[in-house]
Amino acid sequence: MKSILIKDTTREEREQIVRQFLWGNCGAECEFCAGCDNRGGGRTEELYQPYIDGIKEIREINAEYCAPFVRG
């Protein structure tokens, strides 16, 4: 698999990564996926917009999103 780091991808590739792997992975075309309103995170494309824009890596976004749920 090709690297998904910002330095190794174009904006178009990052948009495709978010659509293909992070948004459409469950097979449903609704707003209730891993980063959805159902979990309080907002729509996935909004949640991962900093990645698409080349500002933050996916791992940074995921860590920030999960931080309130981690104890310790």
PDB file of N, CA and C in Angstrom:
ATOM      1  N   MET A   1       0.846  -1.187   0.000  1.00  0.00           N
ATOM      2  CA  MET A   1       0.000   0.000   0.000  1.00  0.00           C
ATOM      3  C   MET A   1       0.879   1.234   0.000  1.00  0.00           C
ATOM      4  N   LYS A   2       0.494   2.199  -0.755  1.00  0.00           N
ATOM      5  CA  LYS A   2       1.205   3.463  -0.834  1.00  0.00           C
ATOM      6  C   LYS A   2       1.031   4.236   0.471  1.00  0.00           C
ATOM      7  N   SER A   3       2.008   5.020   0.807  1.00  0.00           N
ATOM      8  CA  SER A   3       1.952   5.869   1.997  1.00  0.00           C
ATOM      9  C   SER A   3       0.782   6.843   1.898  1.00  0.00           C
ATOM     10  N   ILE A   4       0.138   7.096   3.041  1.00  0.00           N
ATOM     11  CA  ILE A   4      -0.950   8.076   3.074  1.00  0.00           C
ATOM     12  C   ILE A   4      -0.513   9.369   3.761  1.00  0.00           C
ATOM     13  N   LEU A   5       0.784   9.498   4.029  1.00  0.00           N
ATOM     14  CA  LEU A   5       1.293  10.727   4.636  1.00  0.00           C
ATOM     15  C   LEU A   5       1.101  11.897   3.688  1.00  0.00           C
ATOM     16  N   ILE A   6       0.921  13.066   4.249  1.00  0.00           N
ATOM     17  CA  ILE A   6       0.709  14.272   3.444  1.00  0.00           C
ATOM     18  C   ILE A   6       1.857  14.482   2.465  1.00  0.00           C
ATOM     19  N   LYS A   7       3.083  14.266   2.920  1.00  0.00           N
ATOM     20  CA  LYS A   7       4.246  14.509   2.058  1.00  0.00           C
ATOM     21  C   LYS A   7       4.293  13.574   0.853  1.00  0.00           C
ATOM     22  N   ASP A   8       3.577  12.455   0.933  1.00  0.00           N
ATOM     23  CA  ASP A   8       3.600  11.455  -0.134  1.00  0.00           C
ATOM     24  C   ASP A   8       2.351  11.449  -0.999  1.00  0.00           C
ATOM     25  N   THR A   9       1.437  12.394  -0.767  1.00  0.00           N
ATOM     26  CA  THR A   9       0.165  12.391  -1.490  1.00  0.00           C
ATOM     27  C   THR A   9      -0.173  13.774  -2.028  1.00  0.00           C
ATOM     28  N   THR A  10      -0.992  13.786  -3.046  1.00  0.00           N
ATOM     29  CA  THR A  10      -1.539  15.045  -3.549  1.00  0.00           C
ATOM     30  C   THR A  10      -2.877  15.285  -2.867  1.00  0.00           C
ATOM     31  N   ARG A  11      -3.395  16.466  -2.997  1.00  0.00           N
ATOM     32  CA  ARG A  11      -4.710  16.779  -2.427  1.00  0.00           C
ATOM     33  C   ARG A  11      -5.773  15.827  -2.982  1.00  0.00           C
ATOM     34  N   GLU A  12      -5.725  15.579  -4.278  1.00  0.00           N
ATOM     35  CA  GLU A  12      -6.702  14.695  -4.906  1.00  0.00           C
ATOM     36  C   GLU A  12      -6.610  13.286  -4.324  1.00  0.00           C
ATOM     37  N   GLU A  13      -5.393  12.817  -4.092  1.00  0.00           N
ATOM     38  CA  GLU A  13      -5.227  11.487  -3.497  1.00  0.00           C
ATOM     39  C   GLU A  13      -5.766  11.452  -2.067  1.00  0.00           C
ATOM     40  N   ARG A  14      -5.548  12.530  -1.313  1.00  0.00           N
ATOM     41  CA  ARG A  14      -6.065  12.584   0.060  1.00  0.00           C
ATOM     42  C   ARG A  14      -7.587  12.604   0.077  1.00  0.00           C
ATOM     43  N   GLU A  15      -8.194  13.320  -0.856  1.00  0.00           N
ATOM     44  CA  GLU A  15      -9.657  13.309  -0.958  1.00  0.00           C
ATOM     45  C   GLU A  15     -10.148  11.888  -1.235  1.00  0.00           C
ATOM     46  N   GLN A  16      -9.464  11.186  -2.123  1.00  0.00           N
ATOM     47  CA  GLN A  16      -9.848   9.818  -2.456  1.00  0.00           C
ATOM     48  C   GLN A  16      -9.659   8.894  -1.256  1.00  0.00           C
ATOM     49  N   ILE A  17      -8.581   9.069  -0.510  1.00  0.00           N
ATOM     50  CA  ILE A  17      -8.327   8.256   0.687  1.00  0.00           C
ATOM     51  C   ILE A  17      -9.461   8.430   1.686  1.00  0.00           C
ATOM     52  N   VAL A  18      -9.854   9.663   1.931  1.00  0.00           N
ATOM     53  CA  VAL A  18     -10.938   9.921   2.888  1.00  0.00           C
ATOM     54  C   VAL A  18     -12.238   9.309   2.386  1.00  0.00           C
ATOM     55  N   ARG A  19     -12.548   9.507   1.115  1.00  0.00           N
ATOM     56  CA  ARG A  19     -13.789   8.938   0.560  1.00  0.00           C
ATOM     57  C   ARG A  19     -13.781   7.420   0.585  1.00  0.00           C
ATOM     58  N   GLN A  20     -12.694   6.837   0.145  1.00  0.00           N
ATOM     59  CA  GLN A  20     -12.658   5.392  -0.047  1.00  0.00           C
ATOM     60  C   GLN A  20     -12.469   4.625   1.254  1.00  0.00           C
ATOM     61  N   PHE A  21     -11.536   5.026   2.083  1.00  0.00           N
ATOM     62  CA  PHE A  21     -11.177   4.227   3.241  1.00  0.00           C
ATOM     63  C   PHE A  21     -11.796   4.693   4.547  1.00  0.00           C
ATOM     64  N   LEU A  22     -12.034   5.974   4.676  1.00  0.00           N
ATOM     65  CA  LEU A  22     -12.526   6.487   5.949  1.00  0.00           C
ATOM     66  C   LEU A  22     -14.018   6.758   5.937  1.00  0.00           C
ATOM     67  N   TRP A  23     -14.576   7.023   4.789  1.00  0.00           N
ATOM     68  CA  TRP A  23     -15.990   7.371   4.722  1.00  0.00           C
ATOM     69  C   TRP A  23     -16.818   6.212   4.210  1.00  0.00           C
ATOM     70  N   GLY A  24     -16.382   5.580   3.144  1.00  0.00           N
ATOM     71  CA  GLY A  24     -17.211   4.574   2.509  1.00  0.00           C
ATOM     72  C   GLY A  24     -16.907   3.147   2.909  1.00  0.00           C
ATOM     73  N   ASN A  25     -16.160   2.937   3.943  1.00  0.00           N
ATOM     74  CA  ASN A  25     -15.742   1.601   4.317  1.00  0.00           C
ATOM     75  C   ASN A  25     -16.887   0.721   4.814  1.00  0.00           C
ATOM     76  N   CYS A  26     -17.914   1.278   5.393  1.00  0.00           N
ATOM     77  CA  CYS A  26     -18.997   0.470   5.953  1.00  0.00           C
ATOM     78  C   CYS A  26     -20.002   0.047   4.890  1.00  0.00           C
ATOM     79  N   GLY A  27     -19.966   0.694   3.741  1.00  0.00           N
ATOM     80  CA  GLY A  27     -20.886   0.344   2.677  1.00  0.00           C
ATOM     81  C   GLY A  27     -22.185   1.128   2.703  1.00  0.00           C
ATOM     82  N   ALA A  28     -22.440   1.838   3.769  1.00  0.00           N
ATOM     83  CA  ALA A  28     -23.658   2.645   3.862  1.00  0.00           C
ATOM     84  C   ALA A  28     -23.368   4.053   3.366  1.00  0.00           C
ATOM     85  N   GLU A  29     -24.339   4.654   2.753  1.00  0.00           N
ATOM     86  CA  GLU A  29     -24.177   6.028   2.294  1.00  0.00           C
ATOM     87  C   GLU A  29     -24.977   6.950   3.195  1.00  0.00           C
ATOM     88  N   CYS A  30     -24.555   6.987   4.444  1.00  0.00           N
ATOM     89  CA  CYS A  30     -25.247   7.836   5.408  1.00  0.00           C
ATOM     90  C   CYS A  30     -24.210   8.629   6.198  1.00  0.00           C
ATOM     91  N   GLU A  31     -24.646   9.362   7.161  1.00  0.00           N
ATOM     92  CA  GLU A  31     -23.749  10.161   7.979  1.00  0.00           C
ATOM     93  C   GLU A  31     -23.351   9.444   9.256  1.00  0.00           C
ATOM     94  N   PHE A  32     -23.560   8.137   9.334  1.00  0.00           N
ATOM     95  CA  PHE A  32     -23.303   7.403  10.567  1.00  0.00           C
ATOM     96  C   PHE A  32     -22.096   6.478  10.451  1.00  0.00           C
ATOM     97  N   CYS A  33     -20.990   6.987   9.966  1.00  0.00           N
ATOM     98  CA  CYS A  33     -19.776   6.185   9.850  1.00  0.00           C
ATOM     99  C   CYS A  33     -18.847   6.509  11.014  1.00  0.00           C
ATOM    100  N   ALA A  34     -17.601   6.124  10.928  1.00  0.00           N
ATOM    101  CA  ALA A  34     -16.660   6.241  12.043  1.00  0.00           C
ATOM    102  C   ALA A  34     -16.497   7.668  12.565  1.00  0.00           C
ATOM    103  N   GLY A  35     -16.638   8.652  11.733  1.00  0.00           N
ATOM    104  CA  GLY A  35     -16.449  10.022  12.170  1.00  0.00           C
ATOM    105  C   GLY A  35     -17.730  10.811  12.104  1.00  0.00           C
ATOM    106  N   CYS A  36     -18.835  10.176  12.328  1.00  0.00           N
ATOM    107  CA  CYS A  36     -20.129  10.760  12.013  1.00  0.00           C
ATOM    108  C   CYS A  36     -20.799  11.482  13.174  1.00  0.00           C
ATOM    109  N   ASP A  37     -21.948  12.026  12.865  1.00  0.00           N
ATOM    110  CA  ASP A  37     -22.768  12.701  13.864  1.00  0.00           C
ATOM    111  C   ASP A  37     -23.212  11.745  14.964  1.00  0.00           C
ATOM    112  N   ASN A  38     -23.341  10.459  14.645  1.00  0.00           N
ATOM    113  CA  ASN A  38     -23.766   9.452  15.612  1.00  0.00           C
ATOM    114  C   ASN A  38     -22.787   9.360  16.782  1.00  0.00           C
ATOM    115  N   ARG A  39     -21.507   9.597  16.527  1.00  0.00           N
ATOM    116  CA  ARG A  39     -20.492   9.550  17.574  1.00  0.00           C
ATOM    117  C   ARG A  39     -20.123  10.949  18.040  1.00  0.00           C
ATOM    118  N   GLY A  40     -20.765  11.942  17.521  1.00  0.00           N
ATOM    119  CA  GLY A  40     -20.515  13.309  17.969  1.00  0.00           C
ATOM    120  C   GLY A  40     -19.342  13.988  17.305  1.00  0.00           C
ATOM    121  N   GLY A  41     -18.818  13.415  16.235  1.00  0.00           N
ATOM    122  CA  GLY A  41     -17.628  13.974  15.613  1.00  0.00           C
ATOM    123  C   GLY A  41     -17.883  14.828  14.411  1.00  0.00           C
ATOM    124  N   GLY A  42     -19.088  14.896  13.953  1.00  0.00           N
ATOM    125  CA  GLY A  42     -19.386  15.629  12.740  1.00  0.00           C
ATOM    126  C   GLY A  42     -19.171  14.751  11.530  1.00  0.00           C
ATOM    127  N   ARG A  43     -19.492  15.256  10.375  1.00  0.00           N
ATOM    128  CA  ARG A  43     -19.340  14.471   9.153  1.00  0.00           C
ATOM    129  C   ARG A  43     -17.876  14.168   8.898  1.00  0.00           C
ATOM    130  N   THR A  44     -17.600  13.000   8.351  1.00  0.00           N
ATOM    131  CA  THR A  44     -16.230  12.548   8.142  1.00  0.00           C
ATOM    132  C   THR A  44     -15.442  13.505   7.276  1.00  0.00           C
ATOM    133  N   GLU A  45     -16.046  13.979   6.190  1.00  0.00           N
ATOM    134  CA  GLU A  45     -15.287  14.878   5.319  1.00  0.00           C
ATOM    135  C   GLU A  45     -14.917  16.173   6.038  1.00  0.00           C
ATOM    136  N   GLU A  46     -15.724  16.616   6.981  1.00  0.00           N
ATOM    137  CA  GLU A  46     -15.384  17.800   7.778  1.00  0.00           C
ATOM    138  C   GLU A  46     -14.307  17.463   8.797  1.00  0.00           C
ATOM    139  N   LEU A  47     -14.429  16.314   9.423  1.00  0.00           N
ATOM    140  CA  LEU A  47     -13.465  15.880  10.432  1.00  0.00           C
ATOM    141  C   LEU A  47     -12.072  15.762   9.822  1.00  0.00           C
ATOM    142  N   TYR A  48     -11.980  15.224   8.622  1.00  0.00           N
ATOM    143  CA  TYR A  48     -10.687  14.996   7.975  1.00  0.00           C
ATOM    144  C   TYR A  48     -10.289  16.097   6.995  1.00  0.00           C
ATOM    145  N   GLN A  49     -10.984  17.208   6.992  1.00  0.00           N
ATOM    146  CA  GLN A  49     -10.634  18.308   6.091  1.00  0.00           C
ATOM    147  C   GLN A  49      -9.209  18.814   6.316  1.00  0.00           C
ATOM    148  N   PRO A  50      -8.713  18.902   7.565  1.00  0.00           N
ATOM    149  CA  PRO A  50      -7.318  19.325   7.746  1.00  0.00           C
ATOM    150  C   PRO A  50      -6.318  18.375   7.067  1.00  0.00           C
ATOM    151  N   TYR A  51      -6.645  17.096   6.998  1.00  0.00           N
ATOM    152  CA  TYR A  51      -5.785  16.143   6.274  1.00  0.00           C
ATOM    153  C   TYR A  51      -5.862  16.421   4.777  1.00  0.00           C
ATOM    154  N   ILE A  52      -7.061  16.568   4.264  1.00  0.00           N
ATOM    155  CA  ILE A  52      -7.232  16.851   2.840  1.00  0.00           C
ATOM    156  C   ILE A  52      -6.483  18.130   2.468  1.00  0.00           C
ATOM    157  N   ASP A  53      -6.535  19.131   3.342  1.00  0.00           N
ATOM    158  CA  ASP A  53      -5.870  20.409   3.083  1.00  0.00           C
ATOM    159  C   ASP A  53      -4.364  20.363   3.317  1.00  0.00           C
ATOM    160  N   GLY A  54      -3.845  19.235   3.830  1.00  0.00           N
ATOM    161  CA  GLY A  54      -2.410  19.102   4.049  1.00  0.00           C
ATOM    162  C   GLY A  54      -1.922  19.747   5.331  1.00  0.00           C
ATOM    163  N   ILE A  55      -2.810  19.924   6.308  1.00  0.00           N
ATOM    164  CA  ILE A  55      -2.460  20.591   7.565  1.00  0.00           C
ATOM    165  C   ILE A  55      -2.102  19.593   8.660  1.00  0.00           C
ATOM    166  N   LYS A  56      -2.890  18.522   8.797  1.00  0.00           N
ATOM    167  CA  LYS A  56      -2.677  17.520   9.840  1.00  0.00           C
ATOM    168  C   LYS A  56      -2.736  16.125   9.248  1.00  0.00           C
ATOM    169  N   GLU A  57      -1.901  15.239   9.788  1.00  0.00           N
ATOM    170  CA  GLU A  57      -1.933  13.837   9.370  1.00  0.00           C
ATOM    171  C   GLU A  57      -3.167  13.159   9.971  1.00  0.00           C
ATOM    172  N   ILE A  58      -3.579  12.073   9.365  1.00  0.00           N
ATOM    173  CA  ILE A  58      -4.734  11.325   9.857  1.00  0.00           C
ATOM    174  C   ILE A  58      -4.528  10.908  11.306  1.00  0.00           C
ATOM    175  N   ARG A  59      -3.327  10.452  11.655  1.00  0.00           N
ATOM    176  CA  ARG A  59      -3.071   9.997  13.025  1.00  0.00           C
ATOM    177  C   ARG A  59      -3.263  11.126  14.034  1.00  0.00           C
ATOM    178  N   GLU A  60      -2.927  12.365  13.660  1.00  0.00           N
ATOM    179  CA  GLU A  60      -3.121  13.513  14.547  1.00  0.00           C
ATOM    180  C   GLU A  60      -4.612  13.789  14.753  1.00  0.00           C
ATOM    181  N   ILE A  61      -5.371  13.742  13.686  1.00  0.00           N
ATOM    182  CA  ILE A  61      -6.812  13.983  13.771  1.00  0.00           C
ATOM    183  C   ILE A  61      -7.470  12.909  14.627  1.00  0.00           C
ATOM    184  N   ASN A  62      -7.093  11.648  14.385  1.00  0.00           N
ATOM    185  CA  ASN A  62      -7.660  10.551  15.162  1.00  0.00           C
ATOM    186  C   ASN A  62      -7.319  10.681  16.643  1.00  0.00           C
ATOM    187  N   ALA A  63      -6.084  11.061  16.948  1.00  0.00           N
ATOM    188  CA  ALA A  63      -5.673  11.216  18.351  1.00  0.00           C
ATOM    189  C   ALA A  63      -6.459  12.330  19.031  1.00  0.00           C
ATOM    190  N   GLU A  64      -6.645  13.446  18.352  1.00  0.00           N
ATOM    191  CA  GLU A  64      -7.414  14.555  18.919  1.00  0.00           C
ATOM    192  C   GLU A  64      -8.873  14.156  19.128  1.00  0.00           C
ATOM    193  N   TYR A  65      -9.421  13.417  18.171  1.00  0.00           N
ATOM    194  CA  TYR A  65     -10.809  12.992  18.254  1.00  0.00           C
ATOM    195  C   TYR A  65     -11.017  12.038  19.431  1.00  0.00           C
ATOM    196  N   CYS A  66     -10.063  11.138  19.655  1.00  0.00           N
ATOM    197  CA  CYS A  66     -10.181  10.119  20.711  1.00  0.00           C
ATOM    198  C   CYS A  66      -9.771  10.613  22.097  1.00  0.00           C
ATOM    199  N   ALA A  67      -9.021  11.689  22.164  1.00  0.00           N
ATOM    200  CA  ALA A  67      -8.469  12.175  23.433  1.00  0.00           C
ATOM    201  C   ALA A  67      -9.514  12.325  24.552  1.00  0.00           C
ATOM    202  N   PRO A  68     -10.683  12.874  24.287  1.00  0.00           N
ATOM    203  CA  PRO A  68     -11.667  13.022  25.383  1.00  0.00           C
ATOM    204  C   PRO A  68     -12.174  11.685  25.938  1.00  0.00           C
ATOM    205  N   PHE A  69     -11.984  10.610  25.186  1.00  0.00           N
ATOM    206  CA  PHE A  69     -12.501   9.317  25.597  1.00  0.00           C
ATOM    207  C   PHE A  69     -11.454   8.448  26.294  1.00  0.00           C
ATOM    208  N   VAL A  70     -10.209   8.943  26.366  1.00  0.00           N
ATOM    209  CA  VAL A  70      -9.116   8.181  26.949  1.00  0.00           C
ATOM    210  C   VAL A  70      -8.896   8.633  28.385  1.00  0.00           C
ATOM    211  N   ARG A  71      -8.830   7.670  29.289  1.00  0.00           N
ATOM    212  CA  ARG A  71      -8.562   7.988  30.683  1.00  0.00           C
ATOM    213  C   ARG A  71      -7.069   7.878  30.951  1.00  0.00           C
ATOM    214  N   GLY A  72      -6.622   8.696  31.900  1.00  0.00           N
ATOM    215  CA  GLY A  72      -5.243   8.543  32.333  1.00  0.00           C
ATOM    216  C   GLY A  72      -4.439   9.651  31.964  1.00  0.00           C
TER     217      GLY A  72
END
